[in-house]
Amino acid sequence: MIASSSYLKDWTPEQCRVLEQAVLIANHRLHETGLFSDEALAELIDGQPDDYLTLAAMGSDEKKFEWMVGERNGASGQDVVEAVRGGKLWVNLVALTRFHETYRRLVDAVYDELEETVPGFRARHRSANLLISSPQAMVYYHVDLPVNMLWHLRGEKRVWVYPCDERFVSQRNLERLSVGAMSEDMPYESWFDDYALSFRVQPGQMITWPQNSPHMVKNLDGLNVSLSTEHRDPVAKRRIMVHKANHFLRNRCGVRNFSSSPHGLVAHLKQNGVRALSLLNRLTRRPVDETFGFRRRFVIDPHAESGYRLCEGETAGDFSEEQSVVLERMQVAPAS
């Protein structure tokens, strides 16, 4: 295992300068720790509470939300890894650092090193999810509320990052996302790709982007493993609070034209207002579960071609329930 002081590799002053300000790819050494081998992944899955283990299958068309969730049904961690390797699955170990002390220390060490290396960088409210996914699996066009960093460990990915402006993610949808009124998935059009930055991400690379930038991911070859870390510094936290305040102003007060900037006196007033309203439970709602409340439609089966088998009564290719739920969350009319 490498020394904790060397997780960042060959970062330049320019990379340090643009962190959180622009799309950034930089090198790391987390994949050299030995903590993400097949054996380690299986052990992590076996030790992860089922309520914090998301198993999903998806389609291959980024314009169609073909996504369903399943369950382990007693499958071992090794069985899950083998099912993912040979199938078309996406596994998320949510809140990894809450349940696995070694990985909590690793994430803290990485963030501590970033704080020492990057002038002015502060990472509060640190968290991490571990993503294990099949070759050719994809993650649909979506937005994360906190600042997100993707530390890639195994396999290859293609990542598209889109501008964070009204053309690609509306202020209204960011407001709704901030209060749990919609999922992270956002309306997507193929012409968005004309304005995206596209990257082929290899093991040993980290990619990050400005807060709330839409992005989409498609796996290339090999079993893919990535550590997705999230954090909030004071500005990032205030930006979320401003979205919440704007949601309240739009829906309770009828205000339409207001700034979403996290800077300045008005932003601080909005933040304090949200805190007060939150104490009264009048503004914030419980966040949307990333499974969207879908029923479990499949169980893991490493011997099946897809890595899973449908539960009794389920039909292959029928994503109508999932699509209708997501369209309702987005408040987008289904195509005729």
C-alpha atoms as a PDB file:
ATOM      1  CA  MET A   1       0.000   0.000   0.000  1.00  0.00           C
ATOM      2  CA  ILE A   2       1.406   3.403  -0.958  1.00  0.00           C
ATOM      3  CA  ALA A   3       2.111   6.138   1.548  1.00  0.00           C
ATOM      4  CA  SER A   4      -0.851   8.347   2.321  1.00  0.00           C
ATOM      5  CA  SER A   5       1.176  11.431   1.427  1.00  0.00           C
ATOM      6  CA  SER A   6       1.369  10.485  -2.236  1.00  0.00           C
ATOM      7  CA  TYR A   7      -2.207   9.943  -3.405  1.00  0.00           C
ATOM      8  CA  LEU A   8      -2.043  12.916  -5.780  1.00  0.00           C
ATOM      9  CA  LYS A   9       0.409  12.422  -8.622  1.00  0.00           C
ATOM     10  CA  ASP A  10       2.284  15.199 -10.445  1.00  0.00           C
ATOM     11  CA  TRP A  11      -0.311  17.924  -9.965  1.00  0.00           C
ATOM     12  CA  THR A  12       0.742  21.188 -11.592  1.00  0.00           C
ATOM     13  CA  PRO A  13       0.092  24.707 -10.256  1.00  0.00           C
ATOM     14  CA  GLU A  14      -2.387  25.200 -13.115  1.00  0.00           C
ATOM     15  CA  GLN A  15      -4.364  22.109 -12.100  1.00  0.00           C
ATOM     16  CA  CYS A  16      -4.482  23.360  -8.532  1.00  0.00           C
ATOM     17  CA  ARG A  17      -5.668  26.764  -9.738  1.00  0.00           C
ATOM     18  CA  VAL A  18      -8.629  25.476 -11.770  1.00  0.00           C
ATOM     19  CA  LEU A  19      -9.887  22.910  -9.233  1.00  0.00           C
ATOM     20  CA  GLU A  20     -13.643  23.549  -8.736  1.00  0.00           C
ATOM     21  CA  GLN A  21     -13.472  26.368 -11.318  1.00  0.00           C
ATOM     22  CA  ALA A  22     -13.323  24.329 -14.544  1.00  0.00           C
ATOM     23  CA  VAL A  23     -13.364  20.753 -15.813  1.00  0.00           C
ATOM     24  CA  LEU A  24     -10.177  19.123 -14.588  1.00  0.00           C
ATOM     25  CA  ILE A  25      -8.445  15.811 -15.214  1.00  0.00           C
ATOM     26  CA  ALA A  26      -5.499  15.009 -12.955  1.00  0.00           C
ATOM     27  CA  ASN A  27      -3.516  11.946 -11.944  1.00  0.00           C
ATOM     28  CA  HIS A  28      -3.798   9.977  -8.704  1.00  0.00           C
ATOM     29  CA  ARG A  29      -2.499   6.738  -7.182  1.00  0.00           C
ATOM     30  CA  LEU A  30      -5.558   5.322  -5.426  1.00  0.00           C
ATOM     31  CA  HIS A  31      -5.646   2.393  -7.843  1.00  0.00           C
ATOM     32  CA  GLU A  32      -2.233   1.345  -6.521  1.00  0.00           C
ATOM     33  CA  THR A  33      -3.431   0.845  -2.935  1.00  0.00           C
ATOM     34  CA  GLY A  34      -4.662  -2.729  -3.379  1.00  0.00           C
ATOM     35  CA  LEU A  35      -8.017  -1.710  -1.899  1.00  0.00           C
ATOM     36  CA  PHE A  36     -10.006  -2.237  -5.112  1.00  0.00           C
ATOM     37  CA  SER A  37      -9.118  -5.772  -6.224  1.00  0.00           C
ATOM     38  CA  ASP A  38     -11.866  -8.299  -6.965  1.00  0.00           C
ATOM     39  CA  GLU A  39     -11.392  -9.776  -3.511  1.00  0.00           C
ATOM     40  CA  ALA A  40     -11.600  -6.372  -1.835  1.00  0.00           C
ATOM     41  CA  LEU A  41     -14.729  -5.451  -3.807  1.00  0.00           C
ATOM     42  CA  ALA A  42     -16.440  -8.709  -2.830  1.00  0.00           C
ATOM     43  CA  GLU A  43     -15.593  -8.138   0.833  1.00  0.00           C
ATOM     44  CA  LEU A  44     -16.945  -4.587   0.673  1.00  0.00           C
ATOM     45  CA  ILE A  45     -20.216  -5.764  -0.878  1.00  0.00           C
ATOM     46  CA  ASP A  46     -20.608  -8.470   1.767  1.00  0.00           C
ATOM     47  CA  GLY A  47     -20.123  -5.862   4.496  1.00  0.00           C
ATOM     48  CA  GLN A  48     -22.439  -3.235   2.977  1.00  0.00           C
ATOM     49  CA  PRO A  49     -25.993  -2.927   4.423  1.00  0.00           C
ATOM     50  CA  ASP A  50     -28.613  -3.769   1.794  1.00  0.00           C
ATOM     51  CA  ASP A  51     -30.310  -0.397   2.294  1.00  0.00           C
ATOM     52  CA  TYR A  52     -27.101   1.264   1.147  1.00  0.00           C
ATOM     53  CA  LEU A  53     -26.399  -1.045  -1.804  1.00  0.00           C
ATOM     54  CA  THR A  54     -28.024  -0.054  -5.087  1.00  0.00           C
ATOM     55  CA  LEU A  55     -28.178  -2.621  -7.903  1.00  0.00           C
ATOM     56  CA  ALA A  56     -29.392  -1.345 -11.260  1.00  0.00           C
ATOM     57  CA  ALA A  57     -29.692  -2.395 -14.887  1.00  0.00           C
ATOM     58  CA  MET A  58     -30.037   0.008 -17.793  1.00  0.00           C
ATOM     59  CA  GLY A  59     -30.576   0.236 -21.534  1.00  0.00           C
ATOM     60  CA  SER A  60     -28.117   1.484 -24.148  1.00  0.00           C
ATOM     61  CA  ASP A  61     -29.904   4.595 -25.475  1.00  0.00           C
ATOM     62  CA  GLU A  62     -29.102   7.810 -23.631  1.00  0.00           C
ATOM     63  CA  LYS A  63     -32.388   9.332 -24.867  1.00  0.00           C
ATOM     64  CA  LYS A  64     -34.541   6.622 -23.236  1.00  0.00           C
ATOM     65  CA  PHE A  65     -34.624   6.177 -19.488  1.00  0.00           C
ATOM     66  CA  GLU A  66     -34.389   2.390 -19.328  1.00  0.00           C
ATOM     67  CA  TRP A  67     -33.373   1.812 -15.745  1.00  0.00           C
ATOM     68  CA  MET A  68     -34.568  -0.710 -13.199  1.00  0.00           C
ATOM     69  CA  VAL A  69     -33.425  -1.762  -9.776  1.00  0.00           C
ATOM     70  CA  GLY A  70     -32.926  -5.197  -8.261  1.00  0.00           C
ATOM     71  CA  GLU A  71     -31.639  -6.977  -5.192  1.00  0.00           C
ATOM     72  CA  ARG A  72     -28.918  -9.401  -4.154  1.00  0.00           C
ATOM     73  CA  ASN A  73     -31.325 -12.150  -3.087  1.00  0.00           C
ATOM     74  CA  GLY A  74     -28.591 -13.777  -1.040  1.00  0.00           C
ATOM     75  CA  ALA A  75     -25.873 -13.523  -3.694  1.00  0.00           C
ATOM     76  CA  SER A  76     -22.375 -13.275  -2.241  1.00  0.00           C
ATOM     77  CA  GLY A  77     -20.132 -10.330  -2.904  1.00  0.00           C
ATOM     78  CA  GLN A  78     -18.067 -12.521  -5.236  1.00  0.00           C
ATOM     79  CA  ASP A  79     -21.233 -13.469  -7.154  1.00  0.00           C
ATOM     80  CA  VAL A  80     -22.137  -9.787  -7.526  1.00  0.00           C
ATOM     81  CA  VAL A  81     -18.676  -8.917  -8.861  1.00  0.00           C
ATOM     82  CA  GLU A  82     -18.837 -11.762 -11.392  1.00  0.00           C
ATOM     83  CA  ALA A  83     -22.363 -10.769 -12.444  1.00  0.00           C
ATOM     84  CA  VAL A  84     -21.228  -7.209 -13.043  1.00  0.00           C
ATOM     85  CA  ARG A  85     -18.123  -8.289 -14.935  1.00  0.00           C
ATOM     86  CA  GLY A  86     -20.069 -10.396 -17.434  1.00  0.00           C
ATOM     87  CA  GLY A  87     -23.409  -8.582 -17.518  1.00  0.00           C
ATOM     88  CA  LYS A  88     -24.884  -5.119 -17.816  1.00  0.00           C
ATOM     89  CA  LEU A  89     -25.196  -3.858 -14.277  1.00  0.00           C
ATOM     90  CA  TRP A  90     -24.373  -0.861 -12.148  1.00  0.00           C
ATOM     91  CA  VAL A  91     -23.663  -1.209  -8.421  1.00  0.00           C
ATOM     92  CA  ASN A  92     -23.399   1.689  -5.991  1.00  0.00           C
ATOM     93  CA  LEU A  93     -22.075   1.230  -2.457  1.00  0.00           C
ATOM     94  CA  VAL A  94     -23.685   4.325  -0.955  1.00  0.00           C
ATOM     95  CA  ALA A  95     -22.079   6.179   1.977  1.00  0.00           C
ATOM     96  CA  LEU A  96     -19.045   3.896   1.776  1.00  0.00           C
ATOM     97  CA  THR A  97     -17.089   5.730   4.453  1.00  0.00           C
ATOM     98  CA  ARG A  98     -19.881   5.283   7.005  1.00  0.00           C
ATOM     99  CA  PHE A  99     -19.473   1.508   7.064  1.00  0.00           C
ATOM    100  CA  HIS A 100     -15.838   0.843   6.111  1.00  0.00           C
ATOM    101  CA  GLU A 101     -13.214   2.493   8.301  1.00  0.00           C
ATOM    102  CA  THR A 102     -10.244   1.786   6.022  1.00  0.00           C
ATOM    103  CA  TYR A 103     -11.945   3.592   3.154  1.00  0.00           C
ATOM    104  CA  ARG A 104     -13.006   6.479   5.393  1.00  0.00           C
ATOM    105  CA  ARG A 105      -9.356   7.002   6.291  1.00  0.00           C
ATOM    106  CA  LEU A 106      -8.428   6.812   2.606  1.00  0.00           C
ATOM    107  CA  VAL A 107     -10.980   9.460   1.579  1.00  0.00           C
ATOM    108  CA  ASP A 108      -9.953  11.718   4.449  1.00  0.00           C
ATOM    109  CA  ALA A 109      -6.295  11.322   3.496  1.00  0.00           C
ATOM    110  CA  VAL A 110      -7.030  12.308  -0.098  1.00  0.00           C
ATOM    111  CA  TYR A 111      -9.028  15.356   0.931  1.00  0.00           C
ATOM    112  CA  ASP A 112      -6.427  16.324   3.531  1.00  0.00           C
ATOM    113  CA  GLU A 113      -3.747  16.172   0.841  1.00  0.00           C
ATOM    114  CA  LEU A 114      -5.877  18.290  -1.477  1.00  0.00           C
ATOM    115  CA  GLU A 115      -6.277  20.885   1.267  1.00  0.00           C
ATOM    116  CA  GLU A 116      -2.501  20.934   1.768  1.00  0.00           C
ATOM    117  CA  THR A 117      -1.757  21.092  -1.958  1.00  0.00           C
ATOM    118  CA  VAL A 118      -4.404  23.450  -3.340  1.00  0.00           C
ATOM    119  CA  PRO A 119      -4.355  26.990  -1.917  1.00  0.00           C
ATOM    120  CA  GLY A 120      -7.724  27.947  -0.449  1.00  0.00           C
ATOM    121  CA  PHE A 121      -9.311  24.523  -0.997  1.00  0.00           C
ATOM    122  CA  ARG A 122     -11.561  23.339   1.820  1.00  0.00           C
ATOM    123  CA  ALA A 123     -13.592  20.119   1.779  1.00  0.00           C
ATOM    124  CA  ARG A 124     -16.326  19.832   4.379  1.00  0.00           C
ATOM    125  CA  HIS A 125     -19.153  17.278   4.673  1.00  0.00           C
ATOM    126  CA  ARG A 126     -17.021  14.645   2.939  1.00  0.00           C
ATOM    127  CA  SER A 127     -18.642  11.481   1.612  1.00  0.00           C
ATOM    128  CA  ALA A 128     -17.942   8.760  -0.928  1.00  0.00           C
ATOM    129  CA  ASN A 129     -19.756   6.151  -2.984  1.00  0.00           C
ATOM    130  CA  LEU A 130     -18.047   3.230  -4.691  1.00  0.00           C
ATOM    131  CA  LEU A 131     -19.279   2.532  -8.225  1.00  0.00           C
ATOM    132  CA  ILE A 132     -18.794  -0.911  -9.786  1.00  0.00           C
ATOM    133  CA  SER A 133     -20.199  -1.318 -13.284  1.00  0.00           C
ATOM    134  CA  SER A 134     -20.164  -3.539 -16.335  1.00  0.00           C
ATOM    135  CA  PRO A 135     -18.432  -2.963 -19.656  1.00  0.00           C
ATOM    136  CA  GLN A 136     -20.727  -0.808 -21.846  1.00  0.00           C
ATOM    137  CA  ALA A 137     -22.937   0.205 -18.895  1.00  0.00           C
ATOM    138  CA  MET A 138     -24.001   3.836 -18.746  1.00  0.00           C
ATOM    139  CA  VAL A 139     -25.171   6.544 -16.355  1.00  0.00           C
ATOM    140  CA  TYR A 140     -27.762   8.884 -17.820  1.00  0.00           C
ATOM    141  CA  TYR A 141     -27.509  12.659 -18.160  1.00  0.00           C
ATOM    142  CA  HIS A 142     -27.757  14.070 -14.642  1.00  0.00           C
ATOM    143  CA  VAL A 143     -26.638  16.688 -12.129  1.00  0.00           C
ATOM    144  CA  ASP A 144     -25.086  16.282  -8.666  1.00  0.00           C
ATOM    145  CA  LEU A 145     -25.821  18.889  -5.999  1.00  0.00           C
ATOM    146  CA  PRO A 146     -22.499  18.797  -4.064  1.00  0.00           C
ATOM    147  CA  VAL A 147     -19.072  19.155  -5.669  1.00  0.00           C
ATOM    148  CA  ASN A 148     -18.262  15.768  -7.193  1.00  0.00           C
ATOM    149  CA  MET A 149     -14.907  14.131  -7.959  1.00  0.00           C
ATOM    150  CA  LEU A 150     -14.652  10.838  -9.848  1.00  0.00           C
ATOM    151  CA  TRP A 151     -11.467   8.914  -8.974  1.00  0.00           C
ATOM    152  CA  HIS A 152     -11.237   6.226 -11.637  1.00  0.00           C
ATOM    153  CA  LEU A 153      -9.656   2.933 -10.597  1.00  0.00           C
ATOM    154  CA  ARG A 154     -10.332   0.143 -13.106  1.00  0.00           C
ATOM    155  CA  GLY A 155     -11.576  -0.130 -16.701  1.00  0.00           C
ATOM    156  CA  GLU A 156     -12.203   2.807 -19.051  1.00  0.00           C
ATOM    157  CA  LYS A 157     -15.001   5.359 -19.252  1.00  0.00           C
ATOM    158  CA  ARG A 158     -16.169   8.029 -21.650  1.00  0.00           C
ATOM    159  CA  VAL A 159     -17.359  11.087 -19.723  1.00  0.00           C
ATOM    160  CA  TRP A 160     -19.266  14.030 -21.204  1.00  0.00           C
ATOM    161  CA  VAL A 161     -19.460  17.276 -19.225  1.00  0.00           C
ATOM    162  CA  TYR A 162     -21.906  19.995 -20.285  1.00  0.00           C
ATOM    163  CA  PRO A 163     -22.053  23.726 -19.539  1.00  0.00           C
ATOM    164  CA  CYS A 164     -23.985  24.663 -16.433  1.00  0.00           C
ATOM    165  CA  ASP A 165     -26.370  27.172 -17.951  1.00  0.00           C
ATOM    166  CA  GLU A 166     -30.089  27.435 -18.677  1.00  0.00           C
ATOM    167  CA  ARG A 167     -29.823  25.620 -22.018  1.00  0.00           C
ATOM    168  CA  PHE A 168     -28.639  22.394 -20.380  1.00  0.00           C
ATOM    169  CA  VAL A 169     -30.069  22.490 -16.861  1.00  0.00           C
ATOM    170  CA  SER A 170     -32.779  24.938 -15.901  1.00  0.00           C
ATOM    171  CA  GLN A 171     -32.602  26.972 -12.735  1.00  0.00           C
ATOM    172  CA  ARG A 172     -36.061  25.706 -11.875  1.00  0.00           C
ATOM    173  CA  ASN A 173     -34.919  22.084 -12.032  1.00  0.00           C
ATOM    174  CA  LEU A 174     -31.880  22.813  -9.853  1.00  0.00           C
ATOM    175  CA  GLU A 175     -34.246  24.365  -7.331  1.00  0.00           C
ATOM    176  CA  ARG A 176     -36.516  21.323  -7.394  1.00  0.00           C
ATOM    177  CA  LEU A 177     -33.528  18.987  -7.083  1.00  0.00           C
ATOM    178  CA  SER A 178     -32.244  20.918  -4.058  1.00  0.00           C
ATOM    179  CA  VAL A 179     -35.460  20.284  -2.101  1.00  0.00           C
ATOM    180  CA  GLY A 180     -35.921  16.663  -3.211  1.00  0.00           C
ATOM    181  CA  ALA A 181     -38.798  17.404  -5.589  1.00  0.00           C
ATOM    182  CA  MET A 182     -37.077  15.618  -8.488  1.00  0.00           C
ATOM    183  CA  SER A 183     -34.303  13.124  -9.104  1.00  0.00           C
ATOM    184  CA  GLU A 184     -30.812  13.949 -10.357  1.00  0.00           C
ATOM    185  CA  ASP A 185     -31.744  12.885 -13.897  1.00  0.00           C
ATOM    186  CA  MET A 186     -32.393  15.866 -16.150  1.00  0.00           C
ATOM    187  CA  PRO A 187     -34.084  16.300 -19.551  1.00  0.00           C
ATOM    188  CA  TYR A 188     -31.591  15.493 -22.319  1.00  0.00           C
ATOM    189  CA  GLU A 189     -31.433  16.289 -26.034  1.00  0.00           C
ATOM    190  CA  SER A 190     -28.852  14.862 -28.440  1.00  0.00           C
ATOM    191  CA  TRP A 191     -27.795  18.356 -29.585  1.00  0.00           C
ATOM    192  CA  PHE A 192     -26.418  18.950 -26.089  1.00  0.00           C
ATOM    193  CA  ASP A 193     -23.408  16.852 -27.134  1.00  0.00           C
ATOM    194  CA  ASP A 194     -22.321  19.567 -29.578  1.00  0.00           C
ATOM    195  CA  TYR A 195     -21.432  21.698 -26.556  1.00  0.00           C
ATOM    196  CA  ALA A 196     -19.991  19.003 -24.294  1.00  0.00           C
ATOM    197  CA  LEU A 197     -16.403  18.303 -23.366  1.00  0.00           C
ATOM    198  CA  SER A 198     -15.667  14.598 -23.825  1.00  0.00           C
ATOM    199  CA  PHE A 199     -12.941  12.624 -22.065  1.00  0.00           C
ATOM    200  CA  ARG A 200     -11.693   9.043 -22.171  1.00  0.00           C
ATOM    201  CA  VAL A 201     -10.901   8.399 -18.519  1.00  0.00           C
ATOM    202  CA  GLN A 202      -8.274   5.800 -17.577  1.00  0.00           C
ATOM    203  CA  PRO A 203      -7.356   4.165 -14.249  1.00  0.00           C
ATOM    204  CA  GLY A 204      -5.258   6.582 -12.234  1.00  0.00           C
ATOM    205  CA  GLN A 205      -7.147   9.651 -13.450  1.00  0.00           C
ATOM    206  CA  MET A 206      -9.518  11.882 -11.519  1.00  0.00           C
ATOM    207  CA  ILE A 207     -12.104  14.032 -13.287  1.00  0.00           C
ATOM    208  CA  THR A 208     -14.120  16.810 -11.688  1.00  0.00           C
ATOM    209  CA  TRP A 209     -16.179  19.773 -12.871  1.00  0.00           C
ATOM    210  CA  PRO A 210     -17.776  22.920 -11.488  1.00  0.00           C
ATOM    211  CA  GLN A 211     -20.651  22.320  -9.090  1.00  0.00           C
ATOM    212  CA  ASN A 212     -23.998  21.457 -10.748  1.00  0.00           C
ATOM    213  CA  SER A 213     -22.467  20.811 -14.191  1.00  0.00           C
ATOM    214  CA  PRO A 214     -24.556  18.187 -16.061  1.00  0.00           C
ATOM    215  CA  HIS A 215     -22.666  15.084 -17.112  1.00  0.00           C
ATOM    216  CA  MET A 216     -23.138  11.631 -18.626  1.00  0.00           C
ATOM    217  CA  VAL A 217     -20.978   8.495 -18.462  1.00  0.00           C
ATOM    218  CA  LYS A 218     -20.606   5.445 -20.694  1.00  0.00           C
ATOM    219  CA  ASN A 219     -18.261   2.579 -19.867  1.00  0.00           C
ATOM    220  CA  LEU A 220     -15.859   1.234 -22.453  1.00  0.00           C
ATOM    221  CA  ASP A 221     -13.819  -1.928 -21.888  1.00  0.00           C
ATOM    222  CA  GLY A 222     -13.425  -3.932 -18.719  1.00  0.00           C
ATOM    223  CA  LEU A 223     -15.010  -4.050 -15.292  1.00  0.00           C
ATOM    224  CA  ASN A 224     -15.243  -0.398 -14.239  1.00  0.00           C
ATOM    225  CA  VAL A 225     -14.554   0.735 -10.682  1.00  0.00           C
ATOM    226  CA  SER A 226     -14.607   4.369  -9.547  1.00  0.00           C
ATOM    227  CA  LEU A 227     -14.647   6.143  -6.210  1.00  0.00           C
ATOM    228  CA  SER A 228     -17.068   9.052  -6.350  1.00  0.00           C
ATOM    229  CA  THR A 229     -16.353  11.586  -3.607  1.00  0.00           C
ATOM    230  CA  GLU A 230     -18.512  14.564  -2.704  1.00  0.00           C
ATOM    231  CA  HIS A 231     -17.882  17.564  -0.502  1.00  0.00           C
ATOM    232  CA  ARG A 232     -19.168  21.024   0.285  1.00  0.00           C
ATOM    233  CA  ASP A 233     -17.100  24.091   1.031  1.00  0.00           C
ATOM    234  CA  PRO A 234     -18.877  27.208   2.333  1.00  0.00           C
ATOM    235  CA  VAL A 235     -19.586  28.514  -1.184  1.00  0.00           C
ATOM    236  CA  ALA A 236     -20.842  25.151  -2.455  1.00  0.00           C
ATOM    237  CA  LYS A 237     -23.117  24.788   0.557  1.00  0.00           C
ATOM    238  CA  ARG A 238     -24.420  28.323   0.099  1.00  0.00           C
ATOM    239  CA  ARG A 239     -25.169  27.634  -3.582  1.00  0.00           C
ATOM    240  CA  ILE A 240     -27.447  24.759  -2.563  1.00  0.00           C
ATOM    241  CA  MET A 241     -29.141  26.933   0.038  1.00  0.00           C
ATOM    242  CA  VAL A 242     -29.719  29.659  -2.569  1.00  0.00           C
ATOM    243  CA  HIS A 243     -31.429  27.100  -4.840  1.00  0.00           C
ATOM    244  CA  LYS A 244     -33.666  26.127  -1.918  1.00  0.00           C
ATOM    245  CA  ALA A 245     -34.476  29.755  -1.164  1.00  0.00           C
ATOM    246  CA  ASN A 246     -35.273  30.429  -4.811  1.00  0.00           C
ATOM    247  CA  HIS A 247     -37.594  27.422  -4.864  1.00  0.00           C
ATOM    248  CA  PHE A 248     -39.458  28.899  -1.904  1.00  0.00           C
ATOM    249  CA  LEU A 249     -39.610  32.368  -3.504  1.00  0.00           C
ATOM    250  CA  ARG A 250     -40.863  30.935  -6.789  1.00  0.00           C
ATOM    251  CA  ASN A 251     -43.523  28.651  -5.335  1.00  0.00           C
ATOM    252  CA  ARG A 252     -44.645  30.490  -2.189  1.00  0.00           C
ATOM    253  CA  CYS A 253     -44.131  34.147  -3.100  1.00  0.00           C
ATOM    254  CA  GLY A 254     -44.587  34.144  -6.881  1.00  0.00           C
ATOM    255  CA  VAL A 255     -41.155  35.708  -7.501  1.00  0.00           C
ATOM    256  CA  ARG A 256     -39.733  34.842 -10.919  1.00  0.00           C
ATOM    257  CA  ASN A 257     -36.572  36.852 -11.595  1.00  0.00           C
ATOM    258  CA  PHE A 258     -33.827  36.304  -9.049  1.00  0.00           C
ATOM    259  CA  SER A 259     -30.154  35.427  -8.936  1.00  0.00           C
ATOM    260  CA  SER A 260     -28.753  31.972  -8.207  1.00  0.00           C
ATOM    261  CA  SER A 261     -25.308  33.371  -7.354  1.00  0.00           C
ATOM    262  CA  PRO A 262     -23.867  32.142  -4.030  1.00  0.00           C
ATOM    263  CA  HIS A 263     -21.936  35.403  -3.593  1.00  0.00           C
ATOM    264  CA  GLY A 264     -22.944  38.688  -2.032  1.00  0.00           C
ATOM    265  CA  LEU A 265     -25.234  39.914   0.713  1.00  0.00           C
ATOM    266  CA  VAL A 266     -28.434  38.591  -0.898  1.00  0.00           C
ATOM    267  CA  ALA A 267     -27.008  35.067  -1.075  1.00  0.00           C
ATOM    268  CA  HIS A 268     -26.128  35.173   2.635  1.00  0.00           C
ATOM    269  CA  LEU A 269     -29.615  36.432   3.466  1.00  0.00           C
ATOM    270  CA  LYS A 270     -31.145  33.588   1.454  1.00  0.00           C
ATOM    271  CA  GLN A 271     -28.943  31.059   3.247  1.00  0.00           C
ATOM    272  CA  ASN A 272     -29.976  32.340   6.661  1.00  0.00           C
ATOM    273  CA  GLY A 273     -33.613  32.372   5.599  1.00  0.00           C
ATOM    274  CA  VAL A 274     -33.471  28.755   4.473  1.00  0.00           C
ATOM    275  CA  ARG A 275     -31.912  27.739   7.780  1.00  0.00           C
ATOM    276  CA  ALA A 276     -34.737  29.377   9.670  1.00  0.00           C
ATOM    277  CA  LEU A 277     -37.407  27.842   7.479  1.00  0.00           C
ATOM    278  CA  SER A 278     -35.772  24.438   7.682  1.00  0.00           C
ATOM    279  CA  LEU A 279     -36.086  24.511  11.442  1.00  0.00           C
ATOM    280  CA  LEU A 280     -39.804  24.893  10.934  1.00  0.00           C
ATOM    281  CA  ASN A 281     -39.841  22.089   8.358  1.00  0.00           C
ATOM    282  CA  ARG A 282     -41.619  24.378   5.922  1.00  0.00           C
ATOM    283  CA  LEU A 283     -39.167  24.283   3.031  1.00  0.00           C
ATOM    284  CA  THR A 284     -37.002  21.198   2.731  1.00  0.00           C
ATOM    285  CA  ARG A 285     -38.300  17.749   1.915  1.00  0.00           C
ATOM    286  CA  ARG A 286     -36.793  14.330   2.290  1.00  0.00           C
ATOM    287  CA  PRO A 287     -34.449  13.735  -0.672  1.00  0.00           C
ATOM    288  CA  VAL A 288     -35.595  11.449  -3.447  1.00  0.00           C
ATOM    289  CA  ASP A 289     -34.257   7.916  -3.045  1.00  0.00           C
ATOM    290  CA  GLU A 290     -31.902   7.155  -5.926  1.00  0.00           C
ATOM    291  CA  THR A 291     -33.991   4.071  -6.717  1.00  0.00           C
ATOM    292  CA  PHE A 292     -36.965   6.449  -7.218  1.00  0.00           C
ATOM    293  CA  GLY A 293     -39.175   4.091  -5.201  1.00  0.00           C
ATOM    294  CA  PHE A 294     -39.218   1.553  -8.049  1.00  0.00           C
ATOM    295  CA  ARG A 295     -40.092  -2.007  -7.181  1.00  0.00           C
ATOM    296  CA  ARG A 296     -37.262  -4.549  -7.287  1.00  0.00           C
ATOM    297  CA  ARG A 297     -37.572  -6.184 -10.693  1.00  0.00           C
ATOM    298  CA  PHE A 298     -34.598  -8.534 -10.827  1.00  0.00           C
ATOM    299  CA  VAL A 299     -32.210 -10.576  -8.712  1.00  0.00           C
ATOM    300  CA  ILE A 300     -28.485 -11.089  -9.213  1.00  0.00           C
ATOM    301  CA  ASP A 301     -27.558 -14.224 -11.164  1.00  0.00           C
ATOM    302  CA  PRO A 302     -23.890 -14.474 -12.232  1.00  0.00           C
ATOM    303  CA  HIS A 303     -24.775 -17.361 -14.571  1.00  0.00           C
ATOM    304  CA  ALA A 304     -27.256 -15.285 -16.606  1.00  0.00           C
ATOM    305  CA  GLU A 305     -26.003 -13.493 -19.721  1.00  0.00           C
ATOM    306  CA  SER A 306     -27.036 -10.113 -18.364  1.00  0.00           C
ATOM    307  CA  GLY A 307     -25.815 -10.864 -14.824  1.00  0.00           C
ATOM    308  CA  TYR A 308     -29.348 -10.956 -13.463  1.00  0.00           C
ATOM    309  CA  ARG A 309     -32.707 -12.642 -13.955  1.00  0.00           C
ATOM    310  CA  LEU A 310     -36.081 -10.973 -13.859  1.00  0.00           C
ATOM    311  CA  CYS A 311     -38.441 -11.671 -11.009  1.00  0.00           C
ATOM    312  CA  GLU A 312     -41.572 -13.663 -11.718  1.00  0.00           C
ATOM    313  CA  GLY A 313     -44.104 -11.630 -13.694  1.00  0.00           C
ATOM    314  CA  GLU A 314     -41.570  -9.086 -14.996  1.00  0.00           C
ATOM    315  CA  THR A 315     -41.084  -8.551 -18.737  1.00  0.00           C
ATOM    316  CA  ALA A 316     -37.731  -7.887 -20.406  1.00  0.00           C
ATOM    317  CA  GLY A 317     -37.507  -4.505 -22.070  1.00  0.00           C
ATOM    318  CA  ASP A 318     -40.552  -3.106 -20.246  1.00  0.00           C
ATOM    319  CA  PHE A 319     -39.332   0.126 -18.660  1.00  0.00           C
ATOM    320  CA  SER A 320     -42.695   1.903 -18.886  1.00  0.00           C
ATOM    321  CA  GLU A 321     -43.109   2.328 -15.124  1.00  0.00           C
ATOM    322  CA  GLU A 322     -39.590   3.695 -14.669  1.00  0.00           C
ATOM    323  CA  GLN A 323     -39.891   6.079 -17.622  1.00  0.00           C
ATOM    324  CA  SER A 324     -43.237   7.430 -16.457  1.00  0.00           C
ATOM    325  CA  VAL A 325     -41.945   8.012 -12.920  1.00  0.00           C
ATOM    326  CA  VAL A 326     -38.870   9.876 -14.162  1.00  0.00           C
ATOM    327  CA  LEU A 327     -40.881  11.941 -16.639  1.00  0.00           C
ATOM    328  CA  GLU A 328     -43.210  12.877 -13.817  1.00  0.00           C
ATOM    329  CA  ARG A 329     -40.239  13.876 -11.674  1.00  0.00           C
ATOM    330  CA  MET A 330     -38.929  16.008 -14.535  1.00  0.00           C
ATOM    331  CA  GLN A 331     -42.379  17.330 -15.395  1.00  0.00           C
ATOM    332  CA  VAL A 332     -41.678  16.542 -19.037  1.00  0.00           C
ATOM    333  CA  ALA A 333     -44.449  15.245 -21.273  1.00  0.00           C
ATOM    334  CA  PRO A 334     -43.752  11.816 -22.792  1.00  0.00           C
ATOM    335  CA  ALA A 335     -43.039  11.818 -26.513  1.00  0.00           C
ATOM    336  CA  SER A 336     -46.085  10.897 -28.592  1.00  0.00           C
END
